[in-house]
Amino acid sequence: MNSSYLIFATFAMAAVTFVTRALPALIPKKILDTPWLHRLNESLPLSVMVLLILTSLSYQNLSKSTGINSAEMHLIMAQIGALLLVLFVYHISRQLLVSMVVGIAAINGFLWLFNALLI
């Protein structure tokens, strides 16, 4: 990996973090108390988690000839299934930690299930 890219990415993440932490101090309280902003604040952790999961999906090794019983297909199906379960559990419980634990358990459970039933 290019070290200049790593340095740039680190500074970019630091700048975004600084701006997002400093911005509420600069915005008037009247705007911060709006209902839509509260709803956005409630859904932001889940949105970030979903984006991170979507960017880490293992679809690179898939092709038209990839069969349903291949390890690559099992992994992508387990990841998508776990993501859907995380969204469902978060929608019901509104607990990010519970959703993450369910997601980790689900991906492992789906992989076990696919390997046990589809082989």
C-alpha atoms as a PDB file:
ATOM      1  CA  MET A   1       0.000   0.000   0.000  1.00  0.00           C
ATOM      2  CA  ASN A   2       1.206   3.463  -0.824  1.00  0.00           C
ATOM      3  CA  SER A   3       2.308   5.268   2.360  1.00  0.00           C
ATOM      4  CA  SER A   4       1.218   8.698   1.054  1.00  0.00           C
ATOM      5  CA  TYR A   5      -2.287   7.316   0.492  1.00  0.00           C
ATOM      6  CA  LEU A   6      -2.355   5.986   4.063  1.00  0.00           C
ATOM      7  CA  ILE A   7      -1.221   9.326   5.470  1.00  0.00           C
ATOM      8  CA  PHE A   8      -3.793  11.220   3.357  1.00  0.00           C
ATOM      9  CA  ALA A   9      -6.583   8.839   4.394  1.00  0.00           C
ATOM     10  CA  THR A  10      -5.647   9.223   8.074  1.00  0.00           C
ATOM     11  CA  PHE A  11      -5.718  13.018   7.870  1.00  0.00           C
ATOM     12  CA  ALA A  12      -8.980  12.969   5.895  1.00  0.00           C
ATOM     13  CA  MET A  13     -10.632  10.777   8.543  1.00  0.00           C
ATOM     14  CA  ALA A  14      -9.292  13.047  11.286  1.00  0.00           C
ATOM     15  CA  ALA A  15     -10.659  16.128   9.498  1.00  0.00           C
ATOM     16  CA  VAL A  16     -14.098  14.564   9.015  1.00  0.00           C
ATOM     17  CA  THR A  17     -14.171  13.495  12.664  1.00  0.00           C
ATOM     18  CA  PHE A  18     -13.166  16.967  13.831  1.00  0.00           C
ATOM     19  CA  VAL A  19     -15.784  18.694  11.670  1.00  0.00           C
ATOM     20  CA  THR A  20     -18.575  16.350  12.765  1.00  0.00           C
ATOM     21  CA  ARG A  21     -17.660  16.831  16.427  1.00  0.00           C
ATOM     22  CA  ALA A  22     -17.288  20.624  16.139  1.00  0.00           C
ATOM     23  CA  LEU A  23     -20.331  21.275  13.958  1.00  0.00           C
ATOM     24  CA  PRO A  24     -22.971  20.892  16.725  1.00  0.00           C
ATOM     25  CA  ALA A  25     -21.247  23.666  18.684  1.00  0.00           C
ATOM     26  CA  LEU A  26     -21.589  26.001  15.703  1.00  0.00           C
ATOM     27  CA  ILE A  27     -25.218  25.225  14.806  1.00  0.00           C
ATOM     28  CA  PRO A  28     -27.940  27.145  16.692  1.00  0.00           C
ATOM     29  CA  LYS A  29     -29.778  25.109  19.355  1.00  0.00           C
ATOM     30  CA  LYS A  30     -33.110  25.741  17.617  1.00  0.00           C
ATOM     31  CA  ILE A  31     -31.957  23.751  14.591  1.00  0.00           C
ATOM     32  CA  LEU A  32     -30.431  20.985  16.728  1.00  0.00           C
ATOM     33  CA  ASP A  33     -33.805  20.376  18.415  1.00  0.00           C
ATOM     34  CA  THR A  34     -35.696  19.654  15.196  1.00  0.00           C
ATOM     35  CA  PRO A  35     -37.389  16.223  15.002  1.00  0.00           C
ATOM     36  CA  TRP A  36     -35.811  15.228  11.677  1.00  0.00           C
ATOM     37  CA  LEU A  37     -32.337  15.808  13.101  1.00  0.00           C
ATOM     38  CA  HIS A  38     -33.145  13.621  16.107  1.00  0.00           C
ATOM     39  CA  ARG A  39     -34.351  10.829  13.779  1.00  0.00           C
ATOM     40  CA  LEU A  40     -31.187  11.197  11.715  1.00  0.00           C
ATOM     41  CA  ASN A  41     -29.076  10.989  14.876  1.00  0.00           C
ATOM     42  CA  GLU A  42     -30.877   7.790  15.914  1.00  0.00           C
ATOM     43  CA  SER A  43     -30.298   6.067  12.575  1.00  0.00           C
ATOM     44  CA  LEU A  44     -26.737   7.248  11.958  1.00  0.00           C
ATOM     45  CA  PRO A  45     -24.899   4.434  13.823  1.00  0.00           C
ATOM     46  CA  LEU A  46     -26.833   1.783  11.915  1.00  0.00           C
ATOM     47  CA  SER A  47     -26.235   3.591   8.622  1.00  0.00           C
ATOM     48  CA  VAL A  48     -22.500   3.686   9.223  1.00  0.00           C
ATOM     49  CA  MET A  49     -22.475   0.010  10.197  1.00  0.00           C
ATOM     50  CA  VAL A  50     -24.433  -0.972   7.063  1.00  0.00           C
ATOM     51  CA  LEU A  51     -22.084   1.016   4.833  1.00  0.00           C
ATOM     52  CA  LEU A  52     -19.053  -0.648   6.404  1.00  0.00           C
ATOM     53  CA  ILE A  53     -20.587  -4.094   5.933  1.00  0.00           C
ATOM     54  CA  LEU A  54     -21.571  -3.382   2.335  1.00  0.00           C
ATOM     55  CA  THR A  55     -18.051  -2.272   1.465  1.00  0.00           C
ATOM     56  CA  SER A  56     -16.624  -5.457   2.949  1.00  0.00           C
ATOM     57  CA  LEU A  57     -18.864  -7.915   1.084  1.00  0.00           C
ATOM     58  CA  SER A  58     -16.816 -10.662  -0.552  1.00  0.00           C
ATOM     59  CA  TYR A  59     -18.128 -10.552  -4.091  1.00  0.00           C
ATOM     60  CA  GLN A  60     -14.759 -10.208  -5.858  1.00  0.00           C
ATOM     61  CA  ASN A  61     -14.298 -13.963  -6.398  1.00  0.00           C
ATOM     62  CA  LEU A  62     -17.775 -14.490  -7.837  1.00  0.00           C
ATOM     63  CA  SER A  63     -18.296 -15.107 -11.530  1.00  0.00           C
ATOM     64  CA  LYS A  64     -21.014 -16.514 -13.757  1.00  0.00           C
ATOM     65  CA  SER A  65     -19.558 -19.978 -13.298  1.00  0.00           C
ATOM     66  CA  THR A  66     -19.596 -19.818  -9.474  1.00  0.00           C
ATOM     67  CA  GLY A  67     -21.880 -22.576  -8.252  1.00  0.00           C
ATOM     68  CA  ILE A  68     -24.312 -22.481  -5.358  1.00  0.00           C
ATOM     69  CA  ASN A  69     -22.154 -24.962  -3.437  1.00  0.00           C
ATOM     70  CA  SER A  70     -18.949 -22.925  -3.693  1.00  0.00           C
ATOM     71  CA  ALA A  71     -17.342 -21.387  -0.620  1.00  0.00           C
ATOM     72  CA  GLU A  72     -17.463 -17.933  -2.225  1.00  0.00           C
ATOM     73  CA  MET A  73     -21.218 -18.165  -2.762  1.00  0.00           C
ATOM     74  CA  HIS A  74     -21.746 -19.429   0.797  1.00  0.00           C
ATOM     75  CA  LEU A  75     -19.813 -16.444   2.149  1.00  0.00           C
ATOM     76  CA  ILE A  76     -21.734 -13.825   0.176  1.00  0.00           C
ATOM     77  CA  MET A  77     -25.087 -15.432   1.052  1.00  0.00           C
ATOM     78  CA  ALA A  78     -24.102 -15.543   4.744  1.00  0.00           C
ATOM     79  CA  GLN A  79     -23.026 -11.904   4.669  1.00  0.00           C
ATOM     80  CA  ILE A  80     -26.237 -10.734   3.010  1.00  0.00           C
ATOM     81  CA  GLY A  81     -28.366 -12.851   5.351  1.00  0.00           C
ATOM     82  CA  ALA A  82     -26.560 -11.512   8.407  1.00  0.00           C
ATOM     83  CA  LEU A  83     -26.940  -7.931   7.161  1.00  0.00           C
ATOM     84  CA  LEU A  84     -30.688  -8.375   6.690  1.00  0.00           C
ATOM     85  CA  LEU A  85     -30.982  -9.906  10.158  1.00  0.00           C
ATOM     86  CA  VAL A  86     -28.996  -7.015  11.680  1.00  0.00           C
ATOM     87  CA  LEU A  87     -31.322  -4.497  10.032  1.00  0.00           C
ATOM     88  CA  PHE A  88     -34.373  -6.383  11.297  1.00  0.00           C
ATOM     89  CA  VAL A  89     -33.079  -6.705  14.872  1.00  0.00           C
ATOM     90  CA  TYR A  90     -32.031  -3.053  14.986  1.00  0.00           C
ATOM     91  CA  HIS A  91     -35.436  -1.982  13.669  1.00  0.00           C
ATOM     92  CA  ILE A  92     -37.119  -3.909  16.497  1.00  0.00           C
ATOM     93  CA  SER A  93     -34.719  -3.268  19.394  1.00  0.00           C
ATOM     94  CA  ARG A  94     -32.941   0.011  18.490  1.00  0.00           C
ATOM     95  CA  GLN A  95     -29.881  -1.441  20.232  1.00  0.00           C
ATOM     96  CA  LEU A  96     -26.735  -1.216  18.119  1.00  0.00           C
ATOM     97  CA  LEU A  97     -24.699  -3.585  20.317  1.00  0.00           C
ATOM     98  CA  VAL A  98     -27.421  -6.253  20.250  1.00  0.00           C
ATOM     99  CA  SER A  99     -27.629  -5.911  16.473  1.00  0.00           C
ATOM    100  CA  MET A 100     -23.876  -6.325  16.106  1.00  0.00           C
ATOM    101  CA  VAL A 101     -23.827  -9.436  18.294  1.00  0.00           C
ATOM    102  CA  VAL A 102     -26.725 -10.893  16.305  1.00  0.00           C
ATOM    103  CA  GLY A 103     -24.888 -10.099  13.064  1.00  0.00           C
ATOM    104  CA  ILE A 104     -21.693 -11.827  14.166  1.00  0.00           C
ATOM    105  CA  ALA A 105     -23.623 -14.860  15.376  1.00  0.00           C
ATOM    106  CA  ALA A 106     -25.753 -14.883  12.218  1.00  0.00           C
ATOM    107  CA  ILE A 107     -22.852 -14.833   9.770  1.00  0.00           C
ATOM    108  CA  ASN A 108     -21.236 -17.767  11.550  1.00  0.00           C
ATOM    109  CA  GLY A 109     -24.560 -19.586  11.833  1.00  0.00           C
ATOM    110  CA  PHE A 110     -25.368 -19.070   8.161  1.00  0.00           C
ATOM    111  CA  LEU A 111     -21.916 -20.287   7.119  1.00  0.00           C
ATOM    112  CA  TRP A 112     -22.356 -23.407   9.248  1.00  0.00           C
ATOM    113  CA  LEU A 113     -25.855 -23.952   7.867  1.00  0.00           C
ATOM    114  CA  PHE A 114     -24.797 -23.526   4.239  1.00  0.00           C
ATOM    115  CA  ASN A 115     -21.830 -25.839   4.672  1.00  0.00           C
ATOM    116  CA  ALA A 116     -23.942 -28.465   6.446  1.00  0.00           C
ATOM    117  CA  LEU A 117     -26.951 -28.405   4.112  1.00  0.00           C
ATOM    118  CA  LEU A 118     -25.636 -27.434   0.703  1.00  0.00           C
ATOM    119  CA  ILE A 119     -22.614 -29.702   0.426  1.00  0.00           C
END
